[in-house]
């Protein structure tokens, strides 16, 4: 099975996953090679670091210039099976990541696998990085909440469960991060409202006058 992503091609072969970063033709060739190599090494490092800190991730078997060879996790994407218990455990694991300064960068229910062994695994650290600021942690959590709101009917219950787990594993800073998430949501609503007002004003200015 071959899966085409924005930044990479993922190929499933037996018990292994091969993730190869795609060449970007709009970049200078040598620069593109260097960027892909650095991002591949960074992703491998962060996957392994998250695992050492207690967050289940695929085991990295090999790292080539632009390709990762990883363990294949047998299970279901969280988006297909999520419930309050799973959401709470996801929140707990995100708290572990944030407590150790790891920002996932693409926290969605498509990047979490509920294994057949009932263990919850985090995958796709292609946009992950190390950062200690409240803002980046808030954005990480905000992305997850947006995913819940956009794809799951019981998103409020799932959100509450996530928060419960997040607070448990990140007690010293969870309240601060969640406060920032609320601020980010308000900023988003303000921007959307301004865009709507601007669109209405433009429409009104271009109305054809009636005789």
N, C-alpha and C. Protein backbone atom coordinates (compact mmCIF):
# COMPACT_ATOMS: atom_id res chain seq x y z
N UNK A 1 0.84 -1.19 0.00
CA UNK A 1 0.00 0.00 0.00
C UNK A 1 0.88 1.25 0.00
N UNK A 2 0.56 2.20 -0.87
CA UNK A 2 1.31 3.46 -0.95
C UNK A 2 0.37 4.61 -0.64
N UNK A 3 0.77 5.47 0.29
CA UNK A 3 -0.04 6.62 0.69
C UNK A 3 0.71 7.90 0.33
N UNK A 4 0.07 8.78 -0.42
CA UNK A 4 0.67 10.06 -0.82
C UNK A 4 0.27 11.13 0.18
N UNK A 5 1.26 11.75 0.83
CA UNK A 5 1.02 12.85 1.76
C UNK A 5 1.58 14.14 1.16
N UNK A 6 1.38 15.24 1.85
CA UNK A 6 1.86 16.53 1.34
C UNK A 6 3.38 16.58 1.25
N UNK A 7 4.05 16.02 2.26
CA UNK A 7 5.51 16.12 2.33
C UNK A 7 6.23 14.81 2.01
N UNK A 8 5.49 13.72 1.96
CA UNK A 8 6.16 12.42 1.83
C UNK A 8 5.28 11.38 1.16
N UNK A 9 5.92 10.31 0.73
CA UNK A 9 5.24 9.11 0.27
C UNK A 9 5.46 8.04 1.33
N UNK A 10 4.38 7.44 1.79
CA UNK A 10 4.46 6.40 2.81
C UNK A 10 4.09 5.07 2.17
N UNK A 11 4.99 4.11 2.29
CA UNK A 11 4.77 2.79 1.70
C UNK A 11 4.77 1.73 2.80
N UNK A 12 3.73 0.90 2.80
CA UNK A 12 3.59 -0.16 3.79
C UNK A 12 4.03 -1.48 3.15
N UNK A 13 5.04 -2.10 3.75
CA UNK A 13 5.55 -3.38 3.24
C UNK A 13 5.68 -4.35 4.41
N UNK A 14 4.73 -5.27 4.50
CA UNK A 14 4.78 -6.24 5.58
C UNK A 14 4.72 -5.57 6.94
N UNK A 15 5.74 -5.81 7.77
CA UNK A 15 5.78 -5.25 9.12
C UNK A 15 6.47 -3.89 9.17
N UNK A 16 6.84 -3.35 8.02
CA UNK A 16 7.60 -2.11 7.99
C UNK A 16 6.85 -0.99 7.28
N UNK A 17 7.20 0.24 7.67
CA UNK A 17 6.69 1.45 7.01
C UNK A 17 7.89 2.22 6.48
N UNK A 18 7.84 2.60 5.20
CA UNK A 18 8.88 3.40 4.58
C UNK A 18 8.30 4.78 4.30
N UNK A 19 8.88 5.79 4.91
CA UNK A 19 8.41 7.16 4.70
C UNK A 19 9.51 7.95 3.99
N UNK A 20 9.24 8.34 2.75
CA UNK A 20 10.25 9.02 1.93
C UNK A 20 9.79 10.44 1.61
N UNK A 21 10.61 11.40 1.98
CA UNK A 21 10.27 12.80 1.72
C UNK A 21 10.38 13.11 0.23
N UNK A 22 9.36 13.81 -0.26
CA UNK A 22 9.26 14.10 -1.69
C UNK A 22 10.16 15.28 -2.07
N UNK A 23 10.77 15.16 -3.23
CA UNK A 23 11.57 16.26 -3.77
C UNK A 23 10.66 17.43 -4.12
N UNK A 24 11.08 18.65 -3.74
CA UNK A 24 10.34 19.86 -4.06
C UNK A 24 11.06 20.58 -5.21
N UNK A 25 10.48 20.52 -6.39
CA UNK A 25 11.15 21.03 -7.59
C UNK A 25 11.27 22.55 -7.61
N UNK A 26 10.46 23.24 -6.78
CA UNK A 26 10.55 24.71 -6.76
C UNK A 26 11.75 25.20 -5.97
N UNK A 27 12.41 24.28 -5.23
CA UNK A 27 13.60 24.66 -4.47
C UNK A 27 14.85 24.33 -5.26
N UNK A 28 15.92 25.09 -4.99
CA UNK A 28 17.23 24.77 -5.57
C UNK A 28 17.58 23.34 -5.15
N UNK A 29 18.09 22.54 -6.10
CA UNK A 29 18.25 21.10 -5.87
C UNK A 29 19.09 20.78 -4.64
N UNK A 30 20.23 21.42 -4.48
CA UNK A 30 21.10 21.12 -3.35
C UNK A 30 20.46 21.54 -2.02
N UNK A 31 19.77 22.69 -2.06
CA UNK A 31 19.06 23.16 -0.87
C UNK A 31 17.95 22.18 -0.50
N UNK A 32 17.23 21.72 -1.51
CA UNK A 32 16.13 20.77 -1.28
C UNK A 32 16.65 19.48 -0.64
N UNK A 33 17.76 18.98 -1.12
CA UNK A 33 18.35 17.75 -0.55
C UNK A 33 18.70 17.96 0.91
N UNK A 34 19.29 19.12 1.21
CA UNK A 34 19.72 19.39 2.58
C UNK A 34 18.51 19.51 3.52
N UNK A 35 17.47 20.22 3.05
CA UNK A 35 16.28 20.41 3.87
C UNK A 35 15.60 19.07 4.15
N UNK A 36 15.46 18.24 3.11
CA UNK A 36 14.81 16.94 3.29
C UNK A 36 15.62 16.04 4.22
N UNK A 37 16.93 16.10 4.09
CA UNK A 37 17.80 15.28 4.95
C UNK A 37 17.68 15.73 6.41
N UNK A 38 17.71 17.05 6.63
CA UNK A 38 17.63 17.58 8.00
C UNK A 38 16.29 17.26 8.64
N UNK A 39 15.21 17.40 7.87
CA UNK A 39 13.87 17.14 8.40
C UNK A 39 13.65 15.66 8.68
N UNK A 40 14.24 14.82 7.86
CA UNK A 40 14.15 13.37 8.09
C UNK A 40 14.87 12.99 9.38
N UNK A 41 16.07 13.52 9.56
CA UNK A 41 16.84 13.24 10.79
C UNK A 41 16.12 13.80 12.01
N UNK A 42 15.55 15.01 11.87
CA UNK A 42 14.85 15.63 12.99
C UNK A 42 13.62 14.82 13.38
N UNK A 43 12.87 14.34 12.39
CA UNK A 43 11.68 13.55 12.69
C UNK A 43 12.05 12.26 13.42
N UNK A 44 13.09 11.58 12.94
CA UNK A 44 13.53 10.35 13.59
C UNK A 44 13.94 10.61 15.04
N UNK A 45 14.65 11.70 15.24
CA UNK A 45 15.12 12.05 16.58
C UNK A 45 13.94 12.32 17.52
N UNK A 46 12.95 13.05 17.04
CA UNK A 46 11.81 13.41 17.89
C UNK A 46 10.90 12.22 18.17
N UNK A 47 10.75 11.33 17.18
CA UNK A 47 9.97 10.11 17.41
C UNK A 47 10.62 9.28 18.52
N UNK A 48 11.94 9.12 18.43
CA UNK A 48 12.67 8.34 19.43
C UNK A 48 12.66 9.02 20.79
N UNK A 49 12.78 10.35 20.78
CA UNK A 49 12.78 11.10 22.04
C UNK A 49 11.42 10.99 22.73
N UNK A 50 10.34 11.11 21.96
CA UNK A 50 9.00 10.97 22.53
C UNK A 50 8.82 9.58 23.14
N UNK A 51 9.32 8.58 22.45
CA UNK A 51 9.20 7.20 22.95
C UNK A 51 9.95 7.04 24.27
N UNK A 52 11.16 7.62 24.36
CA UNK A 52 11.95 7.51 25.59
C UNK A 52 11.25 8.21 26.75
N UNK A 53 10.46 9.24 26.46
CA UNK A 53 9.77 9.98 27.52
C UNK A 53 8.45 9.33 27.93
N UNK A 54 8.09 8.23 27.26
CA UNK A 54 6.90 7.51 27.66
C UNK A 54 5.70 7.60 26.73
N UNK A 55 5.89 8.22 25.55
CA UNK A 55 4.80 8.31 24.57
C UNK A 55 5.02 7.23 23.52
N UNK A 56 4.11 6.26 23.41
CA UNK A 56 4.29 5.20 22.42
C UNK A 56 4.35 5.75 20.99
N UNK A 57 5.38 5.34 20.25
CA UNK A 57 5.58 5.72 18.86
C UNK A 57 6.15 4.51 18.13
N UNK A 58 6.13 4.53 16.79
CA UNK A 58 6.77 3.43 16.06
C UNK A 58 8.28 3.39 16.35
N UNK A 59 8.83 2.20 16.38
CA UNK A 59 10.28 2.06 16.53
C UNK A 59 10.95 2.40 15.20
N UNK A 60 12.00 3.21 15.25
CA UNK A 60 12.77 3.55 14.05
C UNK A 60 13.84 2.48 13.85
N UNK A 61 13.83 1.85 12.67
CA UNK A 61 14.82 0.82 12.37
C UNK A 61 16.00 1.35 11.56
N UNK A 62 15.73 2.34 10.72
CA UNK A 62 16.81 2.86 9.87
C UNK A 62 16.47 4.26 9.41
N UNK A 63 17.49 5.07 9.19
CA UNK A 63 17.31 6.43 8.68
C UNK A 63 18.26 6.62 7.51
N UNK A 64 17.70 6.84 6.32
CA UNK A 64 18.51 7.17 5.15
C UNK A 64 18.47 8.68 4.96
N UNK A 65 19.06 9.17 3.90
CA UNK A 65 19.09 10.62 3.68
C UNK A 65 17.70 11.25 3.73
N UNK A 66 16.76 10.64 3.01
CA UNK A 66 15.42 11.23 2.91
C UNK A 66 14.33 10.23 3.26
N UNK A 67 14.69 9.15 3.95
CA UNK A 67 13.72 8.08 4.20
C UNK A 67 13.87 7.51 5.60
N UNK A 68 12.72 7.25 6.22
CA UNK A 68 12.66 6.56 7.51
C UNK A 68 12.10 5.16 7.30
N UNK A 69 12.69 4.20 7.99
CA UNK A 69 12.15 2.84 8.00
C UNK A 69 11.70 2.58 9.43
N UNK A 70 10.39 2.32 9.59
CA UNK A 70 9.80 2.24 10.92
C UNK A 70 8.97 0.98 11.10
N UNK A 71 8.67 0.70 12.35
CA UNK A 71 7.74 -0.36 12.71
C UNK A 71 6.34 -0.01 12.21
N UNK A 72 5.64 -1.00 11.72
CA UNK A 72 4.24 -0.80 11.34
C UNK A 72 3.35 -1.13 12.52
N UNK A 73 2.53 -0.18 12.91
CA UNK A 73 1.62 -0.36 14.05
C UNK A 73 0.29 -0.90 13.53
N UNK A 74 -0.10 -2.05 14.03
CA UNK A 74 -1.39 -2.64 13.65
C UNK A 74 -2.48 -2.08 14.56
N UNK A 75 -3.49 -1.47 13.95
CA UNK A 75 -4.57 -0.91 14.74
C UNK A 75 -5.48 -0.04 13.89
N UNK A 76 -6.23 0.82 14.55
CA UNK A 76 -7.17 1.72 13.88
C UNK A 76 -6.80 3.17 14.15
N UNK A 77 -7.03 4.02 13.17
CA UNK A 77 -6.84 5.45 13.40
C UNK A 77 -7.83 5.92 14.47
N UNK A 78 -7.38 6.79 15.34
CA UNK A 78 -8.24 7.28 16.41
C UNK A 78 -9.51 7.92 15.87
N UNK A 79 -9.45 8.52 14.69
CA UNK A 79 -10.63 9.18 14.14
C UNK A 79 -11.77 8.19 13.92
N UNK A 80 -11.44 6.90 13.78
CA UNK A 80 -12.45 5.89 13.51
C UNK A 80 -13.03 5.26 14.77
N UNK A 81 -12.29 5.33 15.88
CA UNK A 81 -12.72 4.58 17.08
C UNK A 81 -12.71 5.42 18.35
N UNK A 82 -12.45 6.72 18.25
CA UNK A 82 -12.27 7.54 19.45
C UNK A 82 -13.52 7.55 20.32
N UNK A 83 -13.29 7.48 21.62
CA UNK A 83 -14.35 7.66 22.61
C UNK A 83 -13.75 8.47 23.75
N UNK A 84 -14.49 8.68 24.83
CA UNK A 84 -14.00 9.55 25.89
C UNK A 84 -12.75 8.99 26.56
N UNK A 85 -12.68 7.67 26.69
CA UNK A 85 -11.50 7.06 27.33
C UNK A 85 -10.26 7.24 26.46
N UNK A 86 -10.41 7.06 25.15
CA UNK A 86 -9.29 7.24 24.24
C UNK A 86 -8.85 8.70 24.21
N UNK A 87 -9.83 9.61 24.17
CA UNK A 87 -9.51 11.03 24.15
C UNK A 87 -8.76 11.45 25.42
N UNK A 88 -9.17 10.90 26.55
CA UNK A 88 -8.50 11.21 27.81
C UNK A 88 -7.05 10.73 27.78
N UNK A 89 -6.84 9.54 27.25
CA UNK A 89 -5.48 9.01 27.16
C UNK A 89 -4.63 9.83 26.18
N UNK A 90 -5.24 10.28 25.08
CA UNK A 90 -4.52 11.14 24.14
C UNK A 90 -4.10 12.43 24.84
N UNK A 91 -5.02 13.02 25.61
CA UNK A 91 -4.68 14.24 26.35
C UNK A 91 -3.54 14.01 27.31
N UNK A 92 -3.54 12.87 27.97
CA UNK A 92 -2.47 12.54 28.91
C UNK A 92 -1.12 12.45 28.20
N UNK A 93 -1.11 11.82 27.03
CA UNK A 93 0.14 11.66 26.28
C UNK A 93 0.61 12.98 25.69
N UNK A 94 -0.32 13.82 25.25
CA UNK A 94 0.07 15.15 24.77
C UNK A 94 0.69 15.95 25.91
N UNK A 95 0.14 15.79 27.11
CA UNK A 95 0.73 16.43 28.29
C UNK A 95 2.17 15.98 28.52
N UNK A 96 2.44 14.70 28.30
CA UNK A 96 3.82 14.18 28.44
C UNK A 96 4.73 14.82 27.39
N UNK A 97 4.24 14.89 26.16
CA UNK A 97 5.03 15.56 25.10
C UNK A 97 5.36 16.99 25.50
N UNK A 98 4.34 17.74 25.88
CA UNK A 98 4.52 19.17 26.20
C UNK A 98 5.37 19.37 27.44
N UNK A 99 5.24 18.48 28.40
CA UNK A 99 6.07 18.57 29.61
C UNK A 99 7.55 18.43 29.27
N UNK A 100 7.84 17.74 28.17
CA UNK A 100 9.21 17.54 27.74
C UNK A 100 9.60 18.44 26.56
N UNK A 101 8.76 19.46 26.30
CA UNK A 101 9.09 20.46 25.28
C UNK A 101 8.93 19.99 23.85
N UNK A 102 8.19 18.90 23.63
CA UNK A 102 7.99 18.39 22.26
C UNK A 102 6.63 18.86 21.75
N UNK A 103 6.65 19.58 20.63
CA UNK A 103 5.43 20.04 19.98
C UNK A 103 5.19 19.14 18.77
N UNK A 104 4.06 18.47 18.73
CA UNK A 104 3.80 17.53 17.64
C UNK A 104 3.65 18.25 16.30
N UNK A 105 2.92 19.36 16.29
CA UNK A 105 2.79 20.16 15.08
C UNK A 105 1.63 19.80 14.18
N UNK A 106 1.06 18.61 14.35
CA UNK A 106 -0.08 18.20 13.51
C UNK A 106 -0.96 17.23 14.30
N UNK A 107 -1.44 17.71 15.44
CA UNK A 107 -2.22 16.86 16.34
C UNK A 107 -3.64 16.69 15.81
N UNK A 108 -3.89 15.56 15.18
CA UNK A 108 -5.23 15.23 14.71
C UNK A 108 -5.51 13.77 15.05
N UNK A 109 -6.76 13.38 14.95
CA UNK A 109 -7.12 12.00 15.24
C UNK A 109 -6.66 11.06 14.11
N UNK A 110 -6.14 11.63 13.03
CA UNK A 110 -5.57 10.80 11.96
C UNK A 110 -4.11 10.48 12.22
N UNK A 111 -3.50 11.16 13.18
CA UNK A 111 -2.09 10.92 13.50
C UNK A 111 -1.92 10.21 14.84
N UNK A 112 -2.98 9.55 15.25
CA UNK A 112 -2.95 8.71 16.46
C UNK A 112 -3.55 7.36 16.09
N UNK A 113 -2.86 6.28 16.44
CA UNK A 113 -3.34 4.93 16.17
C UNK A 113 -3.67 4.25 17.49
N UNK A 114 -4.86 3.67 17.55
CA UNK A 114 -5.24 2.83 18.68
C UNK A 114 -4.87 1.41 18.28
N UNK A 115 -3.79 0.90 18.85
CA UNK A 115 -3.28 -0.39 18.45
C UNK A 115 -4.19 -1.54 18.84
N UNK A 116 -4.02 -2.65 18.14
CA UNK A 116 -4.77 -3.84 18.49
C UNK A 116 -4.39 -4.33 19.89
N UNK A 117 -3.23 -3.86 20.36
CA UNK A 117 -2.80 -4.18 21.73
C UNK A 117 -3.37 -3.19 22.75
N UNK A 118 -4.28 -2.29 22.27
CA UNK A 118 -4.96 -1.29 23.09
C UNK A 118 -4.04 -0.13 23.51
N UNK A 119 -2.81 -0.15 23.03
CA UNK A 119 -1.88 0.96 23.30
C UNK A 119 -2.15 2.06 22.28
N UNK A 120 -2.08 3.32 22.72
CA UNK A 120 -2.29 4.47 21.84
C UNK A 120 -0.93 4.99 21.38
N UNK A 121 -0.74 5.00 20.06
CA UNK A 121 0.53 5.40 19.47
C UNK A 121 0.38 6.73 18.73
N UNK A 122 1.40 7.56 18.83
CA UNK A 122 1.45 8.81 18.07
C UNK A 122 2.35 8.59 16.85
N UNK A 123 1.88 9.05 15.68
CA UNK A 123 2.65 8.90 14.45
C UNK A 123 2.80 10.26 13.76
N UNK A 124 3.58 10.28 12.71
CA UNK A 124 3.79 11.45 11.84
C UNK A 124 4.28 12.67 12.61
N UNK A 125 5.56 12.65 12.92
CA UNK A 125 6.21 13.78 13.59
C UNK A 125 6.92 14.68 12.57
N UNK A 126 6.42 14.69 11.34
CA UNK A 126 7.06 15.45 10.27
C UNK A 126 7.08 16.95 10.51
N UNK A 127 6.14 17.46 11.30
CA UNK A 127 6.09 18.90 11.61
C UNK A 127 6.47 19.18 13.07
N UNK A 128 6.97 18.17 13.75
CA UNK A 128 7.28 18.32 15.17
C UNK A 128 8.56 19.13 15.39
N UNK A 129 8.66 19.73 16.57
CA UNK A 129 9.85 20.50 16.92
C UNK A 129 9.91 20.65 18.44
N UNK A 130 11.04 21.14 18.91
CA UNK A 130 11.24 21.39 20.34
C UNK A 130 10.98 22.86 20.62
N UNK A 131 10.11 23.14 21.59
CA UNK A 131 9.77 24.52 21.92
C UNK A 131 9.14 24.54 23.30
N UNK A 132 9.44 25.55 24.08
CA UNK A 132 8.95 25.59 25.46
C UNK A 132 7.85 26.62 25.69
N UNK A 133 7.50 27.41 24.67
CA UNK A 133 6.56 28.50 24.89
C UNK A 133 5.13 28.01 25.07
N UNK A 134 4.35 28.77 25.84
CA UNK A 134 2.94 28.47 26.05
C UNK A 134 2.17 28.59 24.73
N UNK A 135 2.54 29.53 23.90
CA UNK A 135 1.85 29.77 22.64
C UNK A 135 1.88 28.53 21.74
N UNK A 136 3.06 27.93 21.57
CA UNK A 136 3.16 26.78 20.67
C UNK A 136 2.40 25.58 21.23
N UNK A 137 2.44 25.40 22.53
CA UNK A 137 1.66 24.33 23.15
C UNK A 137 0.16 24.60 22.96
N UNK A 138 -0.23 25.86 23.10
CA UNK A 138 -1.62 26.23 22.90
C UNK A 138 -2.09 25.97 21.48
N UNK A 139 -1.23 26.28 20.52
CA UNK A 139 -1.58 26.02 19.11
C UNK A 139 -1.73 24.52 18.88
N UNK A 140 -0.82 23.73 19.46
CA UNK A 140 -0.89 22.27 19.32
C UNK A 140 -2.24 21.74 19.80
N UNK A 141 -2.65 22.15 21.00
CA UNK A 141 -3.92 21.70 21.57
C UNK A 141 -5.09 22.26 20.76
N UNK A 142 -4.99 23.50 20.34
CA UNK A 142 -6.05 24.13 19.54
C UNK A 142 -6.30 23.34 18.25
N UNK A 143 -5.24 22.89 17.60
CA UNK A 143 -5.38 22.10 16.37
C UNK A 143 -6.16 20.82 16.66
N UNK A 144 -5.86 20.19 17.80
CA UNK A 144 -6.58 18.96 18.15
C UNK A 144 -8.07 19.24 18.40
N UNK A 145 -8.35 20.32 19.11
CA UNK A 145 -9.75 20.67 19.38
C UNK A 145 -10.50 21.00 18.08
N UNK A 146 -9.82 21.67 17.16
CA UNK A 146 -10.44 21.98 15.87
C UNK A 146 -10.74 20.70 15.11
N UNK A 147 -9.83 19.74 15.20
CA UNK A 147 -10.04 18.44 14.55
C UNK A 147 -11.28 17.75 15.14
N UNK A 148 -11.39 17.75 16.46
CA UNK A 148 -12.56 17.14 17.11
C UNK A 148 -13.85 17.82 16.65
N UNK A 149 -13.81 19.15 16.62
CA UNK A 149 -15.02 19.91 16.26
C UNK A 149 -15.42 19.63 14.81
N UNK A 150 -14.43 19.44 13.95
CA UNK A 150 -14.71 19.28 12.53
C UNK A 150 -15.09 17.87 12.11
N UNK A 151 -14.74 16.86 12.92
CA UNK A 151 -14.93 15.48 12.46
C UNK A 151 -15.69 14.57 13.41
N UNK A 152 -15.99 15.03 14.62
CA UNK A 152 -16.63 14.14 15.59
C UNK A 152 -17.84 14.83 16.23
N UNK A 153 -18.99 14.14 16.20
CA UNK A 153 -20.23 14.74 16.71
C UNK A 153 -20.16 15.05 18.20
N UNK A 154 -19.57 14.16 18.97
CA UNK A 154 -19.50 14.35 20.43
C UNK A 154 -18.23 15.11 20.82
N UNK A 155 -17.90 16.13 20.05
CA UNK A 155 -16.61 16.81 20.23
C UNK A 155 -16.48 17.48 21.60
N UNK A 156 -17.57 17.97 22.17
CA UNK A 156 -17.46 18.63 23.47
C UNK A 156 -17.08 17.63 24.57
N UNK A 157 -17.70 16.46 24.55
CA UNK A 157 -17.36 15.42 25.52
C UNK A 157 -15.91 14.96 25.34
N UNK A 158 -15.51 14.80 24.09
CA UNK A 158 -14.14 14.37 23.79
C UNK A 158 -13.13 15.43 24.23
N UNK A 159 -13.49 16.69 24.04
CA UNK A 159 -12.64 17.79 24.47
C UNK A 159 -12.47 17.79 25.99
N UNK A 160 -13.56 17.61 26.71
CA UNK A 160 -13.49 17.57 28.18
C UNK A 160 -12.62 16.42 28.66
N UNK A 161 -12.73 15.28 28.00
CA UNK A 161 -11.92 14.12 28.38
C UNK A 161 -10.45 14.36 28.11
N UNK A 162 -10.15 14.97 26.95
CA UNK A 162 -8.76 15.33 26.63
C UNK A 162 -8.17 16.23 27.72
N UNK A 163 -8.93 17.24 28.09
CA UNK A 163 -8.47 18.20 29.11
C UNK A 163 -8.18 17.49 30.42
N UNK A 164 -9.03 16.55 30.78
CA UNK A 164 -8.83 15.79 32.03
C UNK A 164 -7.49 15.06 32.01
N UNK A 165 -7.19 14.38 30.91
CA UNK A 165 -5.92 13.67 30.79
C UNK A 165 -4.74 14.62 30.72
N UNK A 166 -4.92 15.72 30.01
CA UNK A 166 -3.84 16.70 29.83
C UNK A 166 -3.44 17.31 31.18
N UNK A 167 -4.44 17.66 31.97
CA UNK A 167 -4.16 18.24 33.29
C UNK A 167 -3.46 17.25 34.22
N UNK A 168 -3.81 15.99 34.08
CA UNK A 168 -3.22 14.98 34.96
C UNK A 168 -1.72 14.80 34.71
N UNK A 169 -1.31 14.83 33.45
CA UNK A 169 0.11 14.58 33.15
C UNK A 169 0.94 15.86 33.05
N UNK A 170 0.26 17.01 33.02
CA UNK A 170 0.98 18.29 32.88
C UNK A 170 0.41 19.29 33.89
N UNK A 171 0.40 18.93 35.17
CA UNK A 171 -0.32 19.72 36.18
C UNK A 171 0.21 21.12 36.39
N UNK A 172 1.49 21.31 36.20
CA UNK A 172 2.10 22.61 36.51
C UNK A 172 1.79 23.71 35.49
N UNK A 173 1.46 23.31 34.26
CA UNK A 173 1.28 24.33 33.22
C UNK A 173 0.02 24.15 32.38
N UNK A 174 -0.75 23.09 32.63
CA UNK A 174 -1.93 22.83 31.80
C UNK A 174 -2.91 24.00 31.80
N UNK A 175 -3.17 24.57 32.97
CA UNK A 175 -4.13 25.67 33.06
C UNK A 175 -3.70 26.86 32.20
N UNK A 176 -2.41 27.14 32.22
CA UNK A 176 -1.87 28.25 31.43
C UNK A 176 -2.03 27.98 29.93
N UNK A 177 -1.73 26.74 29.53
CA UNK A 177 -1.85 26.38 28.11
C UNK A 177 -3.31 26.44 27.67
N UNK A 178 -4.22 25.91 28.48
CA UNK A 178 -5.63 25.90 28.11
C UNK A 178 -6.21 27.31 28.05
N UNK A 179 -5.70 28.19 28.91
CA UNK A 179 -6.10 29.60 28.83
C UNK A 179 -5.65 30.20 27.50
N UNK A 180 -4.44 29.83 27.05
CA UNK A 180 -3.95 30.34 25.77
C UNK A 180 -4.77 29.76 24.62
N UNK A 181 -5.21 28.51 24.74
CA UNK A 181 -6.06 27.91 23.71
C UNK A 181 -7.34 28.73 23.54
N UNK A 182 -7.93 29.14 24.65
CA UNK A 182 -9.14 29.97 24.60
C UNK A 182 -8.86 31.30 23.91
N UNK A 183 -7.70 31.89 24.18
CA UNK A 183 -7.32 33.15 23.54
C UNK A 183 -7.15 32.95 22.03
N UNK A 184 -6.53 31.84 21.64
CA UNK A 184 -6.32 31.54 20.21
C UNK A 184 -7.67 31.39 19.51
N UNK A 185 -8.62 30.73 20.17
CA UNK A 185 -9.96 30.56 19.60
C UNK A 185 -10.66 31.91 19.44
N UNK A 186 -10.50 32.80 20.43
CA UNK A 186 -11.10 34.14 20.32
C UNK A 186 -10.48 34.92 19.18
N UNK A 187 -9.16 34.81 19.02
CA UNK A 187 -8.48 35.50 17.91
C UNK A 187 -9.01 35.00 16.58
N UNK A 188 -9.22 33.68 16.50
CA UNK A 188 -9.73 33.09 15.26
C UNK A 188 -11.13 33.59 14.94
N UNK A 189 -11.99 33.67 15.96
CA UNK A 189 -13.35 34.17 15.74
C UNK A 189 -13.33 35.63 15.30
N UNK A 190 -12.43 36.42 15.90
CA UNK A 190 -12.33 37.84 15.56
C UNK A 190 -11.92 38.00 14.10
N UNK A 191 -10.92 37.21 13.68
CA UNK A 191 -10.44 37.30 12.29
C UNK A 191 -11.55 36.89 11.32
N UNK A 192 -12.28 35.80 11.66
CA UNK A 192 -13.37 35.35 10.79
C UNK A 192 -14.47 36.40 10.70
N UNK A 193 -14.78 37.04 11.83
CA UNK A 193 -15.82 38.07 11.84
C UNK A 193 -15.41 39.26 10.98
N UNK A 194 -14.14 39.69 11.09
CA UNK A 194 -13.67 40.81 10.27
C UNK A 194 -13.72 40.49 8.79
N UNK A 195 -13.38 39.24 8.44
CA UNK A 195 -13.43 38.83 7.03
C UNK A 195 -14.86 38.86 6.51
N UNK A 196 -15.80 38.39 7.34
CA UNK A 196 -17.21 38.40 6.93
C UNK A 196 -17.71 39.81 6.75
N UNK A 197 -17.36 40.70 7.67
CA UNK A 197 -17.78 42.10 7.58
C UNK A 197 -17.20 42.76 6.34
N UNK A 198 -15.93 42.44 6.07
CA UNK A 198 -15.28 43.00 4.88
C UNK A 198 -15.95 42.49 3.60
N UNK A 199 -16.29 41.19 3.58
CA UNK A 199 -16.94 40.62 2.41
C UNK A 199 -18.32 41.25 2.18
N UNK A 200 -19.07 41.47 3.27
CA UNK A 200 -20.38 42.09 3.16
C UNK A 200 -20.28 43.52 2.65
N UNK A 201 -19.26 44.23 3.16
CA UNK A 201 -19.06 45.62 2.73
C UNK A 201 -18.72 45.68 1.25
N UNK A 202 -17.87 44.77 0.79
CA UNK A 202 -17.50 44.73 -0.63
C UNK A 202 -18.70 44.41 -1.50
N UNK A 203 -19.53 43.49 -1.03
CA UNK A 203 -20.73 43.11 -1.78
C UNK A 203 -21.68 44.28 -1.88
N UNK A 204 -21.83 45.01 -0.77
CA UNK A 204 -22.73 46.16 -0.76
C UNK A 204 -22.23 47.25 -1.70
N UNK A 205 -20.92 47.47 -1.73
CA UNK A 205 -20.35 48.50 -2.59
C UNK A 205 -20.50 48.19 -4.07
N UNK A 206 -20.67 46.88 -4.39
CA UNK A 206 -20.77 46.49 -5.79
C UNK A 206 -22.22 46.16 -6.19
N UNK A 207 -23.15 46.50 -5.33
CA UNK A 207 -24.55 46.28 -5.69
C UNK A 207 -24.96 47.21 -6.83
N UNK A 208 -25.78 46.64 -7.74
CA UNK A 208 -26.26 47.46 -8.86
C UNK A 208 -27.42 48.31 -8.37
N UNK A 209 -27.33 49.63 -8.52
CA UNK A 209 -28.43 50.49 -8.04
C UNK A 209 -29.73 50.19 -8.76
N UNK A 210 -30.84 50.23 -8.02
CA UNK A 210 -32.15 49.97 -8.61
C UNK A 210 -32.70 51.26 -9.24
N UNK A 211 -33.44 51.12 -10.38
CA UNK A 211 -34.05 52.29 -11.03
C UNK A 211 -35.23 52.78 -10.21
